[in-house]
């Protein structure tokens, strides 16, 4: 286990906020805008290491637009 029973853990964090922004952008039809679209938000998160507590993610490759709304939903929520 990465946390003990009494390890303090954030309930929400900046990563969660950015994912909510990405979903809101998608819902408003803003998937591909260069700086504020869903794809840009997801790629900004993937493009730098993210830390939650003591766990840090690696930098990941950028995502590409899968082309259809159903594939975009799958990409956002996988």
Protein backbone atom coordinates (compact mmCIF):
# COMPACT_ATOMS: atom_id res chain seq x y z
CA UNK A 1 0.00 0.00 0.00
CA UNK A 2 1.29 3.47 -0.78
CA UNK A 3 -0.46 5.00 2.24
CA UNK A 4 -0.70 3.92 5.84
CA UNK A 5 -4.02 4.09 7.69
CA UNK A 6 -3.31 7.55 9.12
CA UNK A 7 -1.32 9.11 6.27
CA UNK A 8 -2.74 12.55 5.43
CA UNK A 9 -4.01 12.61 1.84
CA UNK A 10 -5.54 15.48 -0.12
CA UNK A 11 -9.19 14.86 -0.94
CA UNK A 12 -8.84 17.00 -4.06
CA UNK A 13 -5.89 18.71 -5.68
CA UNK A 14 -4.86 20.80 -8.66
CA UNK A 15 -4.82 17.76 -10.94
CA UNK A 16 -8.48 17.10 -10.15
CA UNK A 17 -9.30 20.74 -10.88
CA UNK A 18 -7.57 20.59 -14.27
CA UNK A 19 -9.44 17.38 -15.16
CA UNK A 20 -12.73 19.07 -14.25
CA UNK A 21 -11.72 21.97 -16.51
CA UNK A 22 -10.95 19.49 -19.31
CA UNK A 23 -14.38 17.90 -18.94
CA UNK A 24 -16.10 21.31 -18.88
CA UNK A 25 -14.21 22.33 -22.02
CA UNK A 26 -15.35 19.13 -23.74
CA UNK A 27 -18.96 19.65 -22.66
CA UNK A 28 -18.89 23.18 -24.12
CA UNK A 29 -17.53 21.93 -27.46
CA UNK A 30 -14.00 23.19 -26.82
CA UNK A 31 -11.92 20.10 -27.50
CA UNK A 32 -9.12 21.32 -29.75
CA UNK A 33 -8.44 24.96 -28.82
CA UNK A 34 -4.67 25.39 -28.51
CA UNK A 35 -4.46 26.54 -24.87
CA UNK A 36 -7.87 26.03 -23.25
CA UNK A 37 -9.31 22.98 -25.00
CA UNK A 38 -9.68 19.52 -23.52
CA UNK A 39 -6.74 18.13 -25.48
CA UNK A 40 -4.46 21.02 -24.45
CA UNK A 41 -5.36 20.57 -20.77
CA UNK A 42 -4.76 16.81 -20.88
CA UNK A 43 -1.45 17.25 -22.70
CA UNK A 44 -0.31 19.93 -20.23
CA UNK A 45 -0.91 17.47 -17.40
CA UNK A 46 0.90 14.68 -19.27
CA UNK A 47 3.79 16.95 -20.28
CA UNK A 48 5.11 17.48 -16.77
CA UNK A 49 5.46 15.30 -13.70
CA UNK A 50 2.45 15.51 -11.36
CA UNK A 51 2.68 14.82 -7.64
CA UNK A 52 -0.07 13.64 -5.31
CA UNK A 53 1.27 13.17 -1.80
CA UNK A 54 4.44 11.15 -2.21
CA UNK A 55 3.52 9.67 -5.60
CA UNK A 56 4.87 11.36 -8.74
CA UNK A 57 3.80 10.47 -12.26
CA UNK A 58 6.30 10.24 -15.09
CA UNK A 59 6.18 12.66 -18.00
CA UNK A 60 4.04 11.05 -20.69
CA UNK A 61 3.73 11.45 -24.45
CA UNK A 62 1.15 13.88 -25.80
CA UNK A 63 -2.24 12.57 -26.83
CA UNK A 64 -3.60 12.99 -30.35
CA UNK A 65 -7.19 13.86 -31.24
CA UNK A 66 -8.95 10.52 -31.80
CA UNK A 67 -11.36 12.22 -34.21
CA UNK A 68 -14.86 11.38 -32.95
CA UNK A 69 -16.78 12.56 -29.91
CA UNK A 70 -17.27 9.01 -28.59
CA UNK A 71 -13.52 8.33 -28.89
CA UNK A 72 -12.80 11.68 -27.20
CA UNK A 73 -15.05 10.71 -24.27
CA UNK A 74 -13.17 7.41 -23.98
CA UNK A 75 -9.86 9.28 -24.07
CA UNK A 76 -10.94 11.77 -21.40
CA UNK A 77 -12.29 9.16 -18.97
CA UNK A 78 -9.87 6.26 -19.38
